[in-house]
Amino acid sequence: MTIKSTSLNPARAAANAGRRHTLKAVAVSLLMSAAVSTGAVWAQESPQATAAGYTAADREAYLLKGAKEEGQLMIYTSAPVDDMTVIAKAFEDKYGIRVRMWRAGSEKVLQRAVTEGAAGRYDVDIVETNGPELEALHREGLLQEVKSPYLADLIPEAVLPHKEWIGTRLNIFAAAYNTNMVKEADLPKTYEELLDPKWKGKLGIEADDADWFAGVVRLMGEEKGLALFRDIVAKNGISVRKGHTLLTNLVASGEVPLALTVYNYKAEQLKNKGAPLDWITFDPAIARPNGVAMTRNAPHPNAAALFFDFMLSDAQKLLLERDFVPTSTKVETTLNKMPIKFVDPNVILDENEKWTGLYEQIFTLQSK
């Protein structure tokens, strides 16, 4: 297994205004390239569509035979290296197919896939990253629907109407608290309770969570929600920190007694290691889906379809073991059954400037 990892911090999808510029810059060239180079090819079914659409009872054996002839698989991912390595190794051990990976932040994954597609360069088979970035790739016509038999096992929210990318795990936004500094009986049950003066100087938030913010405010009603968070910041202040892992560690150390937007899996990982930390959610919890997609021009289509199925089946248990929230109902966990509101990737893509601007205005600028 070969892994190339960058040191880039995975930025939040909603906060990256540059993403929209990237997509606009290549959109015309993508369309021209598609018209010129693929018109004749798609007149008949492509090898990618054949592999992805094979639904006979011997699907696994059929894909494995083709995958062994292809010999390898290339994944672009924004997942933590140690987590994705476990999944890749399990796939290699089961099927004997070599996995190569390139890892960067989600917007870098998006940018590379779009740029290569515009140039007619097809190196990547599987993209595993945040939902909004995958939705952007869908819009650019770079993804292939896979008719996996395991789609029926997933929670309904994980299956997009176009089915060109599928949610495999949930990053649930949670409020993490230091158990030495905050008593369980004092925990807020609603965002409105954060107006209590007892929270003055004790609150923290991640710097790029405009997608969480859009989800919460839209549920409250925009006017009411914006007014509430402005009041919370004005009365009690809020510490803005860059990076969910950093913010979670600051809760564990006591520097930030209560952080509003950590990822539940990271909080759970530290809790299980003995840190004085626990977490809660405000109903409904806001969750950002991470997912998997096969590319329309995957150079190893059988291996790609086989890995896609693997992510929806065997890998779901591996994700749970690493404290992620899997989307399969075949895996025993209450977390994918709790009240959840998904981040809408279309809102994040279409209203990015609005929500990142409001987030910066209400939180980032007021914390300086």
Protein backbone atom coordinates (compact mmCIF):
# COMPACT_ATOMS: atom_id res chain seq x y z
CA MET A 1 0.00 0.00 0.00
CA THR A 2 1.43 3.38 -1.03
CA ILE A 3 0.31 6.56 0.71
CA LYS A 4 1.22 10.12 -0.18
CA SER A 5 0.14 12.46 2.60
CA THR A 6 0.22 16.23 2.65
CA SER A 7 0.48 18.29 5.81
CA LEU A 8 -2.52 20.41 4.87
CA ASN A 9 -5.21 20.74 7.53
CA PRO A 10 -8.53 19.46 6.09
CA ALA A 11 -10.51 22.71 5.73
CA ARG A 12 -14.25 22.77 6.09
CA ALA A 13 -16.17 22.64 2.87
CA ALA A 14 -18.39 25.63 3.57
CA ALA A 15 -15.52 27.94 4.47
CA ASN A 16 -13.53 27.60 1.29
CA ALA A 17 -14.60 30.40 -1.00
CA GLY A 18 -11.82 29.46 -3.38
CA ARG A 19 -13.64 26.27 -4.27
CA ARG A 20 -16.27 28.11 -6.22
CA HIS A 21 -13.61 29.98 -8.16
CA THR A 22 -11.92 26.69 -9.02
CA LEU A 23 -15.13 25.19 -10.32
CA LYS A 24 -16.01 28.22 -12.42
CA ALA A 25 -12.51 28.39 -13.87
CA VAL A 26 -12.66 24.85 -15.25
CA ALA A 27 -16.35 24.54 -16.07
CA VAL A 28 -16.05 25.74 -19.66
CA SER A 29 -13.05 23.56 -20.41
CA LEU A 30 -14.81 20.55 -18.89
CA LEU A 31 -17.81 20.98 -21.13
CA MET A 32 -15.69 21.50 -24.24
CA SER A 33 -13.54 18.50 -23.37
CA ALA A 34 -16.62 16.33 -22.81
CA ALA A 35 -18.14 17.36 -26.11
CA VAL A 36 -15.00 16.69 -28.12
CA SER A 37 -13.41 13.71 -26.43
CA THR A 38 -16.25 11.61 -25.06
CA GLY A 39 -19.08 11.97 -27.56
CA ALA A 40 -18.16 8.84 -29.48
CA VAL A 41 -17.16 6.84 -26.40
CA TRP A 42 -20.46 7.22 -24.58
CA ALA A 43 -22.44 6.12 -27.60
CA GLN A 44 -21.88 2.63 -26.19
CA GLU A 45 -21.61 1.57 -22.56
CA SER A 46 -18.24 2.37 -21.06
CA PRO A 47 -16.17 -0.11 -19.02
CA GLN A 48 -16.89 2.05 -15.97
CA ALA A 49 -20.66 1.91 -16.49
CA THR A 50 -20.47 -1.83 -17.14
CA ALA A 51 -18.63 -2.55 -13.89
CA ALA A 52 -20.67 -0.11 -11.81
CA GLY A 53 -23.97 -1.34 -13.22
CA TYR A 54 -23.41 -5.09 -12.96
CA THR A 55 -26.16 -6.45 -10.70
CA ALA A 56 -26.14 -10.23 -11.21
CA ALA A 57 -25.85 -12.57 -8.23
CA ASP A 58 -22.15 -13.15 -8.94
CA ARG A 59 -21.34 -9.42 -8.76
CA GLU A 60 -18.49 -9.76 -6.24
CA ALA A 61 -16.79 -12.57 -8.16
CA TYR A 62 -17.28 -10.73 -11.45
CA LEU A 63 -15.75 -7.50 -10.13
CA LEU A 64 -12.92 -9.32 -8.37
CA LYS A 65 -11.91 -11.10 -11.57
CA GLY A 66 -11.71 -7.80 -13.40
CA ALA A 67 -9.99 -6.08 -10.47
CA LYS A 68 -7.25 -8.73 -10.37
CA GLU A 69 -6.57 -8.10 -14.04
CA GLU A 70 -6.36 -4.35 -13.34
CA GLY A 71 -4.09 -5.01 -10.37
CA GLN A 72 -4.53 -1.80 -8.37
CA LEU A 73 -6.76 1.03 -7.20
CA MET A 74 -6.14 4.76 -6.76
CA ILE A 75 -7.98 6.74 -4.06
CA TYR A 76 -8.03 10.49 -3.46
CA THR A 77 -9.08 11.12 0.15
CA SER A 78 -9.25 13.75 2.87
CA ALA A 79 -9.72 11.18 5.65
CA PRO A 80 -7.09 10.96 8.42
CA VAL A 81 -4.22 8.82 7.18
CA ASP A 82 -4.32 6.34 10.06
CA ASP A 83 -8.05 5.73 9.63
CA MET A 84 -7.96 5.32 5.86
CA THR A 85 -4.90 3.09 6.08
CA VAL A 86 -6.85 0.60 8.20
CA ILE A 87 -9.64 0.45 5.60
CA ALA A 88 -7.25 0.18 2.65
CA LYS A 89 -5.30 -2.63 4.31
CA ALA A 90 -8.48 -4.56 5.07
CA PHE A 91 -9.48 -4.27 1.39
CA GLU A 92 -6.03 -5.42 0.27
CA ASP A 93 -6.07 -8.36 2.67
CA LYS A 94 -9.51 -9.48 1.52
CA TYR A 95 -9.09 -9.11 -2.23
CA GLY A 96 -5.36 -8.91 -2.93
CA ILE A 97 -5.75 -5.64 -4.84
CA ARG A 98 -3.04 -3.04 -4.26
CA VAL A 99 -4.34 0.30 -2.96
CA ARG A 100 -2.60 3.60 -3.64
CA MET A 101 -3.75 6.78 -1.93
CA TRP A 102 -3.23 10.51 -2.24
CA ARG A 103 -4.38 12.51 0.76
CA ALA A 104 -5.00 16.24 1.20
CA GLY A 105 -7.64 18.64 2.49
CA SER A 106 -11.10 18.23 0.99
CA GLU A 107 -10.87 21.31 -1.24
CA LYS A 108 -7.49 20.15 -2.56
CA VAL A 109 -9.00 16.77 -3.38
CA LEU A 110 -11.78 18.56 -5.25
CA GLN A 111 -9.38 20.86 -7.07
CA ARG A 112 -7.11 18.05 -8.20
CA ALA A 113 -9.97 15.88 -9.47
CA VAL A 114 -11.54 18.77 -11.39
CA THR A 115 -8.24 19.98 -12.85
CA GLU A 116 -7.26 16.49 -14.00
CA GLY A 117 -10.70 15.93 -15.50
CA ALA A 118 -10.47 19.18 -17.45
CA ALA A 119 -7.10 18.09 -18.82
CA GLY A 120 -8.36 14.66 -19.82
CA ARG A 121 -6.11 12.99 -17.29
CA TYR A 122 -7.77 10.11 -15.48
CA ASP A 123 -5.68 8.76 -12.60
CA VAL A 124 -8.21 8.47 -9.78
CA ASP A 125 -10.71 5.65 -9.30
CA ILE A 126 -12.31 6.55 -5.97
CA VAL A 127 -12.85 9.88 -4.23
CA GLU A 128 -13.48 9.72 -0.47
CA THR A 129 -14.13 13.12 1.07
CA ASN A 130 -16.71 15.60 2.41
CA GLY A 131 -20.23 15.71 1.02
CA PRO A 132 -20.13 19.25 -0.43
CA GLU A 133 -16.97 18.48 -2.40
CA LEU A 134 -18.49 15.27 -3.73
CA GLU A 135 -21.62 17.18 -4.72
CA ALA A 136 -19.42 19.62 -6.62
CA LEU A 137 -17.84 16.71 -8.50
CA HIS A 138 -21.33 15.44 -9.31
CA ARG A 139 -22.22 18.83 -10.75
CA GLU A 140 -19.14 18.71 -12.94
CA GLY A 141 -20.15 15.36 -14.41
CA LEU A 142 -17.10 13.54 -13.08
CA LEU A 143 -18.81 10.76 -11.08
CA GLN A 144 -20.29 7.37 -11.95
CA GLU A 145 -23.41 5.96 -10.33
CA VAL A 146 -22.68 2.55 -8.79
CA LYS A 147 -25.58 0.12 -8.42
CA SER A 148 -24.31 -1.44 -5.22
CA PRO A 149 -26.46 -4.07 -3.51
CA TYR A 150 -25.52 -2.49 -0.18
CA LEU A 151 -27.37 0.78 -0.80
CA ALA A 152 -30.47 -0.82 0.72
CA ASP A 153 -28.63 -1.23 4.04
CA LEU A 154 -28.00 2.50 4.55
CA ILE A 155 -29.98 5.16 6.37
CA PRO A 156 -32.14 7.01 3.80
CA GLU A 157 -30.25 10.30 4.18
CA ALA A 158 -27.02 8.65 3.01
CA VAL A 159 -28.36 7.96 -0.48
CA LEU A 160 -28.54 11.05 -2.67
CA PRO A 161 -31.25 11.17 -5.36
CA HIS A 162 -28.65 11.06 -8.14
CA LYS A 163 -26.74 8.26 -6.35
CA GLU A 164 -23.39 9.40 -7.76
CA TRP A 165 -21.91 9.68 -4.30
CA ILE A 166 -23.04 7.95 -1.14
CA GLY A 167 -22.66 8.98 2.50
CA THR A 168 -20.54 6.37 4.31
CA ARG A 169 -20.00 8.10 7.66
CA LEU A 170 -21.24 11.12 9.58
CA ASN A 171 -19.26 13.88 11.19
CA ILE A 172 -21.74 14.89 13.88
CA PHE A 173 -21.15 18.37 15.26
CA ALA A 174 -21.11 18.02 19.02
CA ALA A 175 -20.60 20.26 22.03
CA ALA A 176 -17.62 18.90 23.96
CA TYR A 177 -17.02 19.88 27.57
CA ASN A 178 -14.28 19.42 30.14
CA THR A 179 -15.74 17.22 32.87
CA ASN A 180 -13.47 18.79 35.53
CA MET A 181 -14.77 22.29 34.78
CA VAL A 182 -18.38 21.77 33.72
CA LYS A 183 -20.84 19.72 35.73
CA GLU A 184 -23.25 17.52 33.82
CA ALA A 185 -26.18 19.11 35.65
CA ASP A 186 -25.11 22.54 34.36
CA LEU A 187 -24.95 21.59 30.69
CA PRO A 188 -27.16 23.63 28.33
CA LYS A 189 -30.03 21.82 26.70
CA THR A 190 -30.58 24.46 24.01
CA TYR A 191 -28.51 27.13 22.30
CA GLU A 192 -30.65 29.76 24.05
CA GLU A 193 -29.25 28.64 27.41
CA LEU A 194 -25.81 29.80 26.28
CA LEU A 195 -27.01 33.33 27.03
CA ASP A 196 -26.63 32.52 30.76
CA PRO A 197 -23.82 34.64 32.27
CA LYS A 198 -22.21 31.48 33.71
CA TRP A 199 -20.82 30.76 30.24
CA LYS A 200 -18.94 34.04 29.97
CA GLY A 201 -15.38 33.35 28.82
CA LYS A 202 -15.95 29.59 28.64
CA LEU A 203 -17.14 29.04 25.08
CA GLY A 204 -15.22 28.00 21.99
CA ILE A 205 -15.95 27.31 18.33
CA GLU A 206 -14.05 26.12 15.24
CA ALA A 207 -13.06 28.77 12.72
CA ASP A 208 -14.56 27.28 9.56
CA ASP A 209 -17.89 25.74 10.53
CA ALA A 210 -20.19 27.89 8.45
CA ASP A 211 -21.98 24.76 7.22
CA TRP A 212 -22.93 23.88 10.81
CA PHE A 213 -23.99 27.49 11.33
CA ALA A 214 -26.17 27.51 8.21
CA GLY A 215 -27.87 24.31 9.33
CA VAL A 216 -28.62 25.55 12.86
CA VAL A 217 -29.78 29.02 11.82
CA ARG A 218 -32.02 27.73 9.03
CA LEU A 219 -33.71 25.37 11.52
CA MET A 220 -34.32 28.21 13.98
CA GLY A 221 -35.44 30.67 11.35
CA GLU A 222 -32.79 32.94 9.92
CA GLU A 223 -33.73 36.18 11.68
CA LYS A 224 -34.12 34.52 15.07
CA GLY A 225 -31.00 32.37 14.72
CA LEU A 226 -28.69 35.19 13.66
CA ALA A 227 -29.95 37.40 16.48
CA LEU A 228 -29.41 34.64 19.05
CA PHE A 229 -25.78 33.98 18.13
CA ARG A 230 -25.00 37.69 17.97
CA ASP A 231 -26.38 38.00 21.51
CA ILE A 232 -24.41 35.00 22.78
CA VAL A 233 -21.14 36.41 21.45
CA ALA A 234 -21.92 39.92 22.71
CA LYS A 235 -22.79 38.75 26.23
CA ASN A 236 -20.41 35.88 26.85
CA GLY A 237 -17.78 36.00 24.11
CA ILE A 238 -16.47 33.02 22.17
CA SER A 239 -12.97 31.76 21.44
CA VAL A 240 -12.43 30.89 17.76
CA ARG A 241 -9.84 28.18 17.07
CA LYS A 242 -8.64 26.70 13.79
CA GLY A 243 -9.03 22.94 13.52
CA HIS A 244 -11.45 20.49 15.11
CA THR A 245 -8.69 18.33 16.56
CA LEU A 246 -7.03 21.37 18.14
CA LEU A 247 -10.33 22.58 19.58
CA THR A 248 -11.07 19.16 21.06
CA ASN A 249 -7.62 19.02 22.65
CA LEU A 250 -8.17 22.46 24.15
CA VAL A 251 -11.36 21.18 25.78
CA ALA A 252 -9.43 18.22 27.20
CA SER A 253 -6.76 20.56 28.60
CA GLY A 254 -9.36 22.89 30.12
CA GLU A 255 -8.41 25.94 28.07
CA VAL A 256 -11.85 25.86 26.42
CA PRO A 257 -14.39 24.49 28.94
CA LEU A 258 -17.21 24.12 26.38
CA ALA A 259 -16.70 23.94 22.60
CA LEU A 260 -19.77 24.05 20.38
CA THR A 261 -18.47 22.48 17.17
CA VAL A 262 -16.17 19.51 17.61
CA TYR A 263 -16.56 16.27 15.71
CA ASN A 264 -18.14 13.66 17.92
CA TYR A 265 -15.70 10.93 16.83
CA LYS A 266 -12.65 12.96 17.89
CA ALA A 267 -14.23 13.76 21.25
CA GLU A 268 -15.08 10.08 21.69
CA GLN A 269 -11.53 9.04 20.80
CA LEU A 270 -10.04 11.35 23.45
CA LYS A 271 -12.66 10.32 26.00
CA ASN A 272 -11.80 6.66 25.44
CA LYS A 273 -8.14 7.47 26.01
CA GLY A 274 -8.98 8.84 29.47
CA ALA A 275 -9.21 12.58 28.79
CA PRO A 276 -11.56 14.53 31.12
CA LEU A 277 -13.97 15.15 28.31
CA ASP A 278 -17.47 14.24 27.19
CA TRP A 279 -19.90 15.53 24.59
CA ILE A 280 -23.55 16.29 23.94
CA THR A 281 -25.66 17.38 20.98
CA PHE A 282 -28.53 19.81 20.64
CA ASP A 283 -31.52 18.20 18.90
CA PRO A 284 -31.54 17.83 16.05
CA ALA A 285 -27.82 17.33 15.71
CA ILE A 286 -26.17 18.81 12.64
CA ALA A 287 -24.13 16.28 10.68
CA ARG A 288 -21.85 16.61 7.70
CA PRO A 289 -21.82 13.44 5.60
CA ASN A 290 -18.54 12.13 4.29
CA GLY A 291 -18.85 9.81 1.38
CA VAL A 292 -17.43 7.75 -1.42
CA ALA A 293 -17.71 8.05 -5.19
CA MET A 294 -16.41 6.21 -8.23
CA THR A 295 -15.13 8.46 -10.99
CA ARG A 296 -16.74 8.35 -14.43
CA ASN A 297 -13.40 7.65 -16.11
CA ALA A 298 -11.90 5.39 -13.43
CA PRO A 299 -8.82 3.66 -14.93
CA HIS A 300 -9.51 0.57 -12.78
CA PRO A 301 -13.31 0.35 -12.93
CA ASN A 302 -13.76 -3.14 -11.52
CA ALA A 303 -11.49 -2.42 -8.56
CA ALA A 304 -13.30 0.88 -8.06
CA ALA A 305 -16.77 -0.72 -7.98
CA LEU A 306 -15.46 -3.45 -5.68
CA PHE A 307 -14.03 -0.89 -3.26
CA PHE A 308 -17.26 1.13 -3.41
CA ASP A 309 -19.18 -1.95 -2.26
CA PHE A 310 -16.54 -2.59 0.42
CA MET A 311 -17.02 0.92 1.85
CA LEU A 312 -20.75 0.27 2.23
CA SER A 313 -20.31 -3.15 3.82
CA ASP A 314 -17.14 -4.43 5.56
CA ALA A 315 -15.70 -0.95 6.11
CA GLN A 316 -18.76 0.17 8.06
CA LYS A 317 -17.76 -1.94 11.06
CA LEU A 318 -14.17 -0.69 10.80
CA LEU A 319 -15.42 2.90 10.88
CA LEU A 320 -17.44 2.19 14.02
CA GLU A 321 -14.41 0.62 15.69
CA ARG A 322 -12.55 3.88 15.07
CA ASP A 323 -15.37 5.92 16.68
CA PHE A 324 -16.88 7.19 13.43
CA VAL A 325 -20.63 7.08 12.84
CA PRO A 326 -21.34 4.65 9.97
CA THR A 327 -24.43 5.00 7.81
CA SER A 328 -25.23 1.29 7.54
CA THR A 329 -28.18 0.04 9.54
CA LYS A 330 -26.44 -3.35 9.67
CA VAL A 331 -23.92 -1.93 12.16
CA GLU A 332 -25.16 -1.67 15.74
CA THR A 333 -24.99 1.94 16.91
CA THR A 334 -27.55 4.37 18.25
CA LEU A 335 -25.71 7.35 16.76
CA ASN A 336 -27.09 7.01 13.24
CA LYS A 337 -30.59 6.68 14.73
CA MET A 338 -30.51 9.92 16.76
CA PRO A 339 -32.32 13.04 15.48
CA ILE A 340 -29.98 14.35 12.77
CA LYS A 341 -30.19 17.16 10.24
CA PHE A 342 -27.74 16.78 7.39
CA VAL A 343 -25.74 19.70 6.10
CA ASP A 344 -27.26 20.45 2.70
CA PRO A 345 -24.35 20.41 0.22
CA ASN A 346 -26.36 22.42 -2.30
CA VAL A 347 -26.86 25.25 0.20
CA ILE A 348 -23.16 25.20 1.01
CA LEU A 349 -22.17 25.39 -2.65
CA ASP A 350 -24.77 27.93 -3.76
CA GLU A 351 -24.74 30.19 -0.68
CA ASN A 352 -21.13 29.83 0.39
CA GLU A 353 -20.28 33.52 0.38
CA LYS A 354 -23.37 34.41 2.41
CA TRP A 355 -22.77 31.92 5.22
CA THR A 356 -19.00 32.26 5.45
CA GLY A 357 -19.49 36.04 5.56
CA LEU A 358 -22.04 35.83 8.37
CA TYR A 359 -19.88 33.34 10.27
CA GLU A 360 -16.86 35.61 10.08
CA GLN A 361 -18.89 38.67 11.03
CA ILE A 362 -20.56 37.09 14.07
CA PHE A 363 -17.77 34.90 15.42
CA THR A 364 -14.31 35.48 13.94
CA LEU A 365 -14.22 39.29 13.89
CA GLN A 366 -15.84 39.61 17.31
CA SER A 367 -13.24 37.33 18.89
CA LYS A 368 -10.31 39.55 17.86
